[in-house]
């Protein structure tokens, strides 16, 4: 078992993944799934996860149904829900986990024969290179480009910072959140929302102090 994946790329039979951000509340992994390959049908017993497709086309299957995802589609997957991702094209995506626990994994079935096994061991690790990103700290507010998207990790100064976003814009909460009267929390670290949804929610509620978000916007004229 390894407790810190910060410097490694994990090779998978379907592609690869690596940690690109963590802060103690959430962890964000970057996944590359090769066209025609798929992850195991698996679940996470104790953590919730979210997927944001940056580029590509996926079929996300559950025990009894399948949905299609393309950039910038997103989805929450609650703990203990079995799921598998099949890449119709080369696909690049973020996986957001809260709380961070890569060993929180149960495989139901797997085309590569990994049923009943845990997370990959050190024999599948390689060192990161300068081509592997690490998301900037929110206090810096730097913008980067990745697979046809603008990414900006920022600490909110007020809820106005969440106004004016479009339905296609995606926001990942990395700390803090949105609260209603009585300090009832309605959006948590690890939650993912589109700009149109936030446009309806945020004006009526409050943003907690030191809330940070990763804003993801598609670059115009990219597919």
C-alpha atoms as a PDB file:
ATOM      1  CA  UNK A   1       0.000   0.000   0.000  1.00  0.00           C
ATOM      2  CA  UNK A   2       1.189   3.522  -0.738  1.00  0.00           C
ATOM      3  CA  UNK A   3      -0.166   6.620   0.991  1.00  0.00           C
ATOM      4  CA  UNK A   4       1.145   9.315  -1.363  1.00  0.00           C
ATOM      5  CA  UNK A   5       0.576   9.090  -5.117  1.00  0.00           C
ATOM      6  CA  UNK A   6       1.738  12.637  -5.813  1.00  0.00           C
ATOM      7  CA  UNK A   7       4.804  11.781  -7.913  1.00  0.00           C
ATOM      8  CA  UNK A   8       3.644   8.731  -9.862  1.00  0.00           C
ATOM      9  CA  UNK A   9       1.615   7.772 -12.927  1.00  0.00           C
ATOM     10  CA  UNK A  10      -0.393   4.580 -12.466  1.00  0.00           C
ATOM     11  CA  UNK A  11      -0.489   2.362 -15.543  1.00  0.00           C
ATOM     12  CA  UNK A  12      -3.804   0.643 -16.206  1.00  0.00           C
ATOM     13  CA  UNK A  13      -4.749  -1.972 -18.823  1.00  0.00           C
ATOM     14  CA  UNK A  14      -7.179   0.633 -20.179  1.00  0.00           C
ATOM     15  CA  UNK A  15      -4.765   3.612 -20.075  1.00  0.00           C
ATOM     16  CA  UNK A  16      -3.344   5.544 -17.131  1.00  0.00           C
ATOM     17  CA  UNK A  17      -4.205   7.888 -14.275  1.00  0.00           C
ATOM     18  CA  UNK A  18      -2.416  10.186 -11.880  1.00  0.00           C
ATOM     19  CA  UNK A  19      -3.155  12.486  -8.961  1.00  0.00           C
ATOM     20  CA  UNK A  20      -3.222  16.143 -10.007  1.00  0.00           C
ATOM     21  CA  UNK A  21      -4.584  17.877  -6.885  1.00  0.00           C
ATOM     22  CA  UNK A  22      -5.275  17.228  -3.204  1.00  0.00           C
ATOM     23  CA  UNK A  23      -5.998  19.413  -0.200  1.00  0.00           C
ATOM     24  CA  UNK A  24      -7.141  17.064   2.578  1.00  0.00           C
ATOM     25  CA  UNK A  25     -10.833  17.380   1.647  1.00  0.00           C
ATOM     26  CA  UNK A  26     -10.812  16.318  -1.991  1.00  0.00           C
ATOM     27  CA  UNK A  27      -8.446  14.693  -4.455  1.00  0.00           C
ATOM     28  CA  UNK A  28      -8.592  15.099  -8.232  1.00  0.00           C
ATOM     29  CA  UNK A  29      -7.176  12.469 -10.581  1.00  0.00           C
ATOM     30  CA  UNK A  30      -6.571  12.817 -14.303  1.00  0.00           C
ATOM     31  CA  UNK A  31      -7.606   9.726 -16.307  1.00  0.00           C
ATOM     32  CA  UNK A  32      -6.797   8.709 -19.870  1.00  0.00           C
ATOM     33  CA  UNK A  33      -8.916   5.831 -21.200  1.00  0.00           C
ATOM     34  CA  UNK A  34      -7.922   4.452 -24.599  1.00  0.00           C
ATOM     35  CA  UNK A  35     -10.554   4.072 -27.310  1.00  0.00           C
ATOM     36  CA  UNK A  36     -12.204   0.654 -27.099  1.00  0.00           C
ATOM     37  CA  UNK A  37     -11.104  -0.003 -23.510  1.00  0.00           C
ATOM     38  CA  UNK A  38     -13.076   0.143 -20.282  1.00  0.00           C
ATOM     39  CA  UNK A  39     -12.567   0.238 -16.553  1.00  0.00           C
ATOM     40  CA  UNK A  40     -13.721  -2.565 -14.278  1.00  0.00           C
ATOM     41  CA  UNK A  41     -17.273  -2.648 -12.981  1.00  0.00           C
ATOM     42  CA  UNK A  42     -16.406  -1.375  -9.512  1.00  0.00           C
ATOM     43  CA  UNK A  43     -17.614   0.673  -6.566  1.00  0.00           C
ATOM     44  CA  UNK A  44     -16.183   2.740  -3.727  1.00  0.00           C
ATOM     45  CA  UNK A  45     -17.759   1.703  -0.403  1.00  0.00           C
ATOM     46  CA  UNK A  46     -16.901   4.807   1.619  1.00  0.00           C
ATOM     47  CA  UNK A  47     -16.267   7.744  -0.738  1.00  0.00           C
ATOM     48  CA  UNK A  48     -18.274   9.698  -3.280  1.00  0.00           C
ATOM     49  CA  UNK A  49     -16.771  10.393  -6.685  1.00  0.00           C
ATOM     50  CA  UNK A  50     -17.509  12.695  -9.586  1.00  0.00           C
ATOM     51  CA  UNK A  51     -16.457  12.544 -13.221  1.00  0.00           C
ATOM     52  CA  UNK A  52     -15.893  15.477 -15.574  1.00  0.00           C
ATOM     53  CA  UNK A  53     -15.144  14.585 -19.198  1.00  0.00           C
ATOM     54  CA  UNK A  54     -12.687  17.070 -20.692  1.00  0.00           C
ATOM     55  CA  UNK A  55     -12.448  15.483 -24.126  1.00  0.00           C
ATOM     56  CA  UNK A  56     -13.737  12.303 -25.731  1.00  0.00           C
ATOM     57  CA  UNK A  57     -16.857  10.153 -25.672  1.00  0.00           C
ATOM     58  CA  UNK A  58     -17.714   7.634 -22.952  1.00  0.00           C
ATOM     59  CA  UNK A  59     -20.413   5.150 -22.078  1.00  0.00           C
ATOM     60  CA  UNK A  60     -20.848   5.019 -18.309  1.00  0.00           C
ATOM     61  CA  UNK A  61     -22.543   1.787 -17.246  1.00  0.00           C
ATOM     62  CA  UNK A  62     -24.183   0.888 -13.957  1.00  0.00           C
ATOM     63  CA  UNK A  63     -25.649  -2.485 -12.993  1.00  0.00           C
ATOM     64  CA  UNK A  64     -28.855  -1.932 -14.972  1.00  0.00           C
ATOM     65  CA  UNK A  65     -28.388   1.078 -17.254  1.00  0.00           C
ATOM     66  CA  UNK A  66     -25.901   2.997 -19.402  1.00  0.00           C
ATOM     67  CA  UNK A  67     -25.552   6.704 -20.163  1.00  0.00           C
ATOM     68  CA  UNK A  68     -23.393   8.612 -22.651  1.00  0.00           C
ATOM     69  CA  UNK A  69     -20.939  11.332 -21.606  1.00  0.00           C
ATOM     70  CA  UNK A  70     -18.949  13.770 -23.709  1.00  0.00           C
ATOM     71  CA  UNK A  71     -16.968  16.922 -22.882  1.00  0.00           C
ATOM     72  CA  UNK A  72     -17.900  18.802 -20.646  1.00  0.00           C
ATOM     73  CA  UNK A  73     -20.462  16.358 -19.251  1.00  0.00           C
ATOM     74  CA  UNK A  74     -20.301  15.570 -15.538  1.00  0.00           C
ATOM     75  CA  UNK A  75     -21.837  13.113 -13.111  1.00  0.00           C
ATOM     76  CA  UNK A  76     -21.828  12.301  -9.382  1.00  0.00           C
ATOM     77  CA  UNK A  77     -21.433   8.671  -8.374  1.00  0.00           C
ATOM     78  CA  UNK A  78     -22.421   8.034  -4.783  1.00  0.00           C
ATOM     79  CA  UNK A  79     -20.563   5.560  -2.601  1.00  0.00           C
ATOM     80  CA  UNK A  80     -21.191   1.832  -3.181  1.00  0.00           C
ATOM     81  CA  UNK A  81     -22.717   2.335  -6.647  1.00  0.00           C
ATOM     82  CA  UNK A  82     -21.107  -0.021  -9.165  1.00  0.00           C
ATOM     83  CA  UNK A  83     -20.018   1.640 -12.408  1.00  0.00           C
ATOM     84  CA  UNK A  84     -17.759   1.133 -15.426  1.00  0.00           C
ATOM     85  CA  UNK A  85     -16.504   3.571 -18.080  1.00  0.00           C
ATOM     86  CA  UNK A  86     -16.126   2.466 -21.724  1.00  0.00           C
ATOM     87  CA  UNK A  87     -14.274   4.838 -24.053  1.00  0.00           C
ATOM     88  CA  UNK A  88     -15.811   5.122 -27.523  1.00  0.00           C
ATOM     89  CA  UNK A  89     -12.923   7.449 -28.418  1.00  0.00           C
ATOM     90  CA  UNK A  90      -9.704   8.322 -26.623  1.00  0.00           C
ATOM     91  CA  UNK A  91     -11.081  10.014 -23.507  1.00  0.00           C
ATOM     92  CA  UNK A  92      -9.577  12.389 -20.962  1.00  0.00           C
ATOM     93  CA  UNK A  93     -11.353  13.151 -17.714  1.00  0.00           C
ATOM     94  CA  UNK A  94     -11.102  14.245 -14.101  1.00  0.00           C
ATOM     95  CA  UNK A  95     -12.174  11.982 -11.273  1.00  0.00           C
ATOM     96  CA  UNK A  96     -12.981  13.889  -8.083  1.00  0.00           C
ATOM     97  CA  UNK A  97     -12.971  11.863  -4.873  1.00  0.00           C
ATOM     98  CA  UNK A  98     -14.100  12.894  -1.398  1.00  0.00           C
ATOM     99  CA  UNK A  99     -12.675  11.836   0.947  1.00  0.00           C
ATOM    100  CA  UNK A 100      -9.369  10.844  -0.651  1.00  0.00           C
ATOM    101  CA  UNK A 101      -8.844   7.078  -0.515  1.00  0.00           C
ATOM    102  CA  UNK A 102      -7.551   5.298  -3.613  1.00  0.00           C
ATOM    103  CA  UNK A 103      -7.668   1.915  -1.873  1.00  0.00           C
ATOM    104  CA  UNK A 104     -11.441   2.279  -1.366  1.00  0.00           C
ATOM    105  CA  UNK A 105     -12.179  -0.080  -4.253  1.00  0.00           C
ATOM    106  CA  UNK A 106     -14.268  -3.206  -4.852  1.00  0.00           C
ATOM    107  CA  UNK A 107     -14.281  -4.797  -8.325  1.00  0.00           C
ATOM    108  CA  UNK A 108     -17.321  -6.793  -9.431  1.00  0.00           C
ATOM    109  CA  UNK A 109     -16.022  -7.882 -12.843  1.00  0.00           C
ATOM    110  CA  UNK A 110     -13.227  -6.885 -15.183  1.00  0.00           C
ATOM    111  CA  UNK A 111     -12.278  -7.728 -18.791  1.00  0.00           C
ATOM    112  CA  UNK A 112      -8.617  -7.829 -17.736  1.00  0.00           C
ATOM    113  CA  UNK A 113      -9.101 -10.434 -14.975  1.00  0.00           C
ATOM    114  CA  UNK A 114      -8.734  -8.132 -11.962  1.00  0.00           C
ATOM    115  CA  UNK A 115     -11.911  -9.251 -10.139  1.00  0.00           C
ATOM    116  CA  UNK A 116     -11.392  -9.387  -6.412  1.00  0.00           C
ATOM    117  CA  UNK A 117      -8.096  -7.485  -6.516  1.00  0.00           C
ATOM    118  CA  UNK A 118      -7.246  -4.147  -4.914  1.00  0.00           C
ATOM    119  CA  UNK A 119      -5.655  -1.034  -6.358  1.00  0.00           C
ATOM    120  CA  UNK A 120      -2.538  -1.409  -8.517  1.00  0.00           C
ATOM    121  CA  UNK A 121       0.802  -1.915  -6.770  1.00  0.00           C
ATOM    122  CA  UNK A 122       4.160  -0.239  -7.271  1.00  0.00           C
ATOM    123  CA  UNK A 123       5.029  -2.437 -10.252  1.00  0.00           C
ATOM    124  CA  UNK A 124       2.489  -0.375 -12.228  1.00  0.00           C
ATOM    125  CA  UNK A 125       3.931   3.012 -11.218  1.00  0.00           C
ATOM    126  CA  UNK A 126       6.161   5.267 -13.286  1.00  0.00           C
ATOM    127  CA  UNK A 127       7.546   8.723 -12.556  1.00  0.00           C
ATOM    128  CA  UNK A 128       5.684  11.831 -13.608  1.00  0.00           C
ATOM    129  CA  UNK A 129       7.227  14.092 -16.231  1.00  0.00           C
ATOM    130  CA  UNK A 130       6.742  17.763 -17.099  1.00  0.00           C
ATOM    131  CA  UNK A 131       3.823  16.673 -19.310  1.00  0.00           C
ATOM    132  CA  UNK A 132       1.787  15.669 -16.248  1.00  0.00           C
ATOM    133  CA  UNK A 133      -0.094  18.594 -14.731  1.00  0.00           C
ATOM    134  CA  UNK A 134      -0.585  19.613 -11.121  1.00  0.00           C
ATOM    135  CA  UNK A 135      -3.484  22.032 -10.653  1.00  0.00           C
ATOM    136  CA  UNK A 136      -2.362  25.395  -9.272  1.00  0.00           C
ATOM    137  CA  UNK A 137      -3.164  26.451  -5.732  1.00  0.00           C
ATOM    138  CA  UNK A 138      -6.427  28.483  -5.627  1.00  0.00           C
ATOM    139  CA  UNK A 139      -4.714  31.505  -4.083  1.00  0.00           C
ATOM    140  CA  UNK A 140      -2.662  31.929  -7.253  1.00  0.00           C
ATOM    141  CA  UNK A 141      -5.673  31.995  -9.582  1.00  0.00           C
ATOM    142  CA  UNK A 142      -3.603  30.844 -12.554  1.00  0.00           C
ATOM    143  CA  UNK A 143      -5.363  29.676 -15.716  1.00  0.00           C
ATOM    144  CA  UNK A 144      -4.120  26.669 -17.654  1.00  0.00           C
ATOM    145  CA  UNK A 145      -5.232  24.873 -20.813  1.00  0.00           C
ATOM    146  CA  UNK A 146      -5.853  21.140 -20.984  1.00  0.00           C
ATOM    147  CA  UNK A 147      -7.506  19.090 -23.739  1.00  0.00           C
ATOM    148  CA  UNK A 148      -9.548  21.925 -25.204  1.00  0.00           C
ATOM    149  CA  UNK A 149     -10.531  23.448 -21.864  1.00  0.00           C
ATOM    150  CA  UNK A 150      -9.586  26.451 -19.765  1.00  0.00           C
ATOM    151  CA  UNK A 151      -9.013  25.525 -16.113  1.00  0.00           C
ATOM    152  CA  UNK A 152      -8.937  28.128 -13.372  1.00  0.00           C
ATOM    153  CA  UNK A 153      -8.606  27.227  -9.685  1.00  0.00           C
ATOM    154  CA  UNK A 154      -9.565  30.203  -7.539  1.00  0.00           C
ATOM    155  CA  UNK A 155     -10.621  31.240  -4.051  1.00  0.00           C
ATOM    156  CA  UNK A 156     -13.936  33.072  -4.211  1.00  0.00           C
ATOM    157  CA  UNK A 157     -14.025  36.670  -2.963  1.00  0.00           C
ATOM    158  CA  UNK A 158     -17.850  36.661  -2.951  1.00  0.00           C
ATOM    159  CA  UNK A 159     -20.710  34.752  -4.511  1.00  0.00           C
ATOM    160  CA  UNK A 160     -20.623  37.198  -7.419  1.00  0.00           C
ATOM    161  CA  UNK A 161     -17.625  35.198  -8.662  1.00  0.00           C
ATOM    162  CA  UNK A 162     -20.111  32.428  -9.533  1.00  0.00           C
ATOM    163  CA  UNK A 163     -22.484  34.671 -11.496  1.00  0.00           C
ATOM    164  CA  UNK A 164     -22.684  34.733 -15.283  1.00  0.00           C
ATOM    165  CA  UNK A 165     -21.536  31.165 -15.938  1.00  0.00           C
ATOM    166  CA  UNK A 166     -23.129  29.188 -18.763  1.00  0.00           C
ATOM    167  CA  UNK A 167     -24.783  25.778 -18.781  1.00  0.00           C
ATOM    168  CA  UNK A 168     -21.631  24.363 -20.397  1.00  0.00           C
ATOM    169  CA  UNK A 169     -19.319  25.694 -17.683  1.00  0.00           C
ATOM    170  CA  UNK A 170     -18.407  23.228 -14.924  1.00  0.00           C
ATOM    171  CA  UNK A 171     -17.488  24.145 -11.358  1.00  0.00           C
ATOM    172  CA  UNK A 172     -15.827  21.732  -8.910  1.00  0.00           C
ATOM    173  CA  UNK A 173     -15.894  22.787  -5.253  1.00  0.00           C
ATOM    174  CA  UNK A 174     -12.506  22.055  -3.678  1.00  0.00           C
ATOM    175  CA  UNK A 175     -13.093  23.655  -0.263  1.00  0.00           C
ATOM    176  CA  UNK A 176     -15.849  25.491   1.603  1.00  0.00           C
ATOM    177  CA  UNK A 177     -19.243  25.370  -0.092  1.00  0.00           C
ATOM    178  CA  UNK A 178     -22.704  26.924  -0.281  1.00  0.00           C
ATOM    179  CA  UNK A 179     -24.880  27.248   2.842  1.00  0.00           C
ATOM    180  CA  UNK A 180     -28.537  28.040   3.485  1.00  0.00           C
ATOM    181  CA  UNK A 181     -30.121  29.720   6.497  1.00  0.00           C
ATOM    182  CA  UNK A 182     -29.027  28.128   9.753  1.00  0.00           C
ATOM    183  CA  UNK A 183     -25.677  27.195   8.226  1.00  0.00           C
ATOM    184  CA  UNK A 184     -27.237  24.219   6.457  1.00  0.00           C
ATOM    185  CA  UNK A 185     -24.715  23.141   3.844  1.00  0.00           C
ATOM    186  CA  UNK A 186     -26.089  22.360   0.393  1.00  0.00           C
ATOM    187  CA  UNK A 187     -22.885  22.173  -1.684  1.00  0.00           C
ATOM    188  CA  UNK A 188     -19.752  20.511  -0.306  1.00  0.00           C
ATOM    189  CA  UNK A 189     -16.100  20.026  -1.320  1.00  0.00           C
ATOM    190  CA  UNK A 190     -16.136  17.434  -4.096  1.00  0.00           C
ATOM    191  CA  UNK A 191     -19.514  18.547  -5.451  1.00  0.00           C
ATOM    192  CA  UNK A 192     -19.729  19.462  -9.145  1.00  0.00           C
ATOM    193  CA  UNK A 193     -22.260  21.823 -10.700  1.00  0.00           C
ATOM    194  CA  UNK A 194     -22.850  23.526 -14.042  1.00  0.00           C
ATOM    195  CA  UNK A 195     -23.024  27.291 -14.353  1.00  0.00           C
ATOM    196  CA  UNK A 196     -26.764  27.407 -15.068  1.00  0.00           C
ATOM    197  CA  UNK A 197     -27.572  25.447 -11.909  1.00  0.00           C
ATOM    198  CA  UNK A 198     -25.352  27.715  -9.834  1.00  0.00           C
ATOM    199  CA  UNK A 199     -27.068  30.712 -11.403  1.00  0.00           C
ATOM    200  CA  UNK A 200     -30.324  29.594  -9.758  1.00  0.00           C
ATOM    201  CA  UNK A 201     -28.863  28.467  -6.413  1.00  0.00           C
ATOM    202  CA  UNK A 202     -26.143  30.949  -5.517  1.00  0.00           C
ATOM    203  CA  UNK A 203     -28.155  34.223  -5.489  1.00  0.00           C
ATOM    204  CA  UNK A 204     -30.471  32.830  -2.773  1.00  0.00           C
ATOM    205  CA  UNK A 205     -27.805  31.376  -0.493  1.00  0.00           C
ATOM    206  CA  UNK A 206     -24.352  32.212   0.851  1.00  0.00           C
ATOM    207  CA  UNK A 207     -20.803  31.167   0.026  1.00  0.00           C
ATOM    208  CA  UNK A 208     -18.721  30.023   2.984  1.00  0.00           C
ATOM    209  CA  UNK A 209     -15.493  31.838   3.747  1.00  0.00           C
ATOM    210  CA  UNK A 210     -12.413  30.408   2.034  1.00  0.00           C
ATOM    211  CA  UNK A 211     -14.458  28.587  -0.589  1.00  0.00           C
ATOM    212  CA  UNK A 212     -12.361  27.537  -3.570  1.00  0.00           C
ATOM    213  CA  UNK A 213     -13.531  26.158  -6.897  1.00  0.00           C
ATOM    214  CA  UNK A 214     -12.056  24.748 -10.062  1.00  0.00           C
ATOM    215  CA  UNK A 215     -13.786  26.406 -13.029  1.00  0.00           C
ATOM    216  CA  UNK A 216     -13.690  24.448 -16.288  1.00  0.00           C
ATOM    217  CA  UNK A 217     -14.706  26.119 -19.545  1.00  0.00           C
ATOM    218  CA  UNK A 218     -14.523  24.723 -23.061  1.00  0.00           C
ATOM    219  CA  UNK A 219     -12.276  26.662 -25.417  1.00  0.00           C
ATOM    220  CA  UNK A 220     -14.319  27.980 -28.327  1.00  0.00           C
ATOM    221  CA  UNK A 221     -14.119  26.068 -31.632  1.00  0.00           C
ATOM    222  CA  UNK A 222     -12.658  22.905 -30.086  1.00  0.00           C
ATOM    223  CA  UNK A 223     -14.166  19.415 -30.082  1.00  0.00           C
END
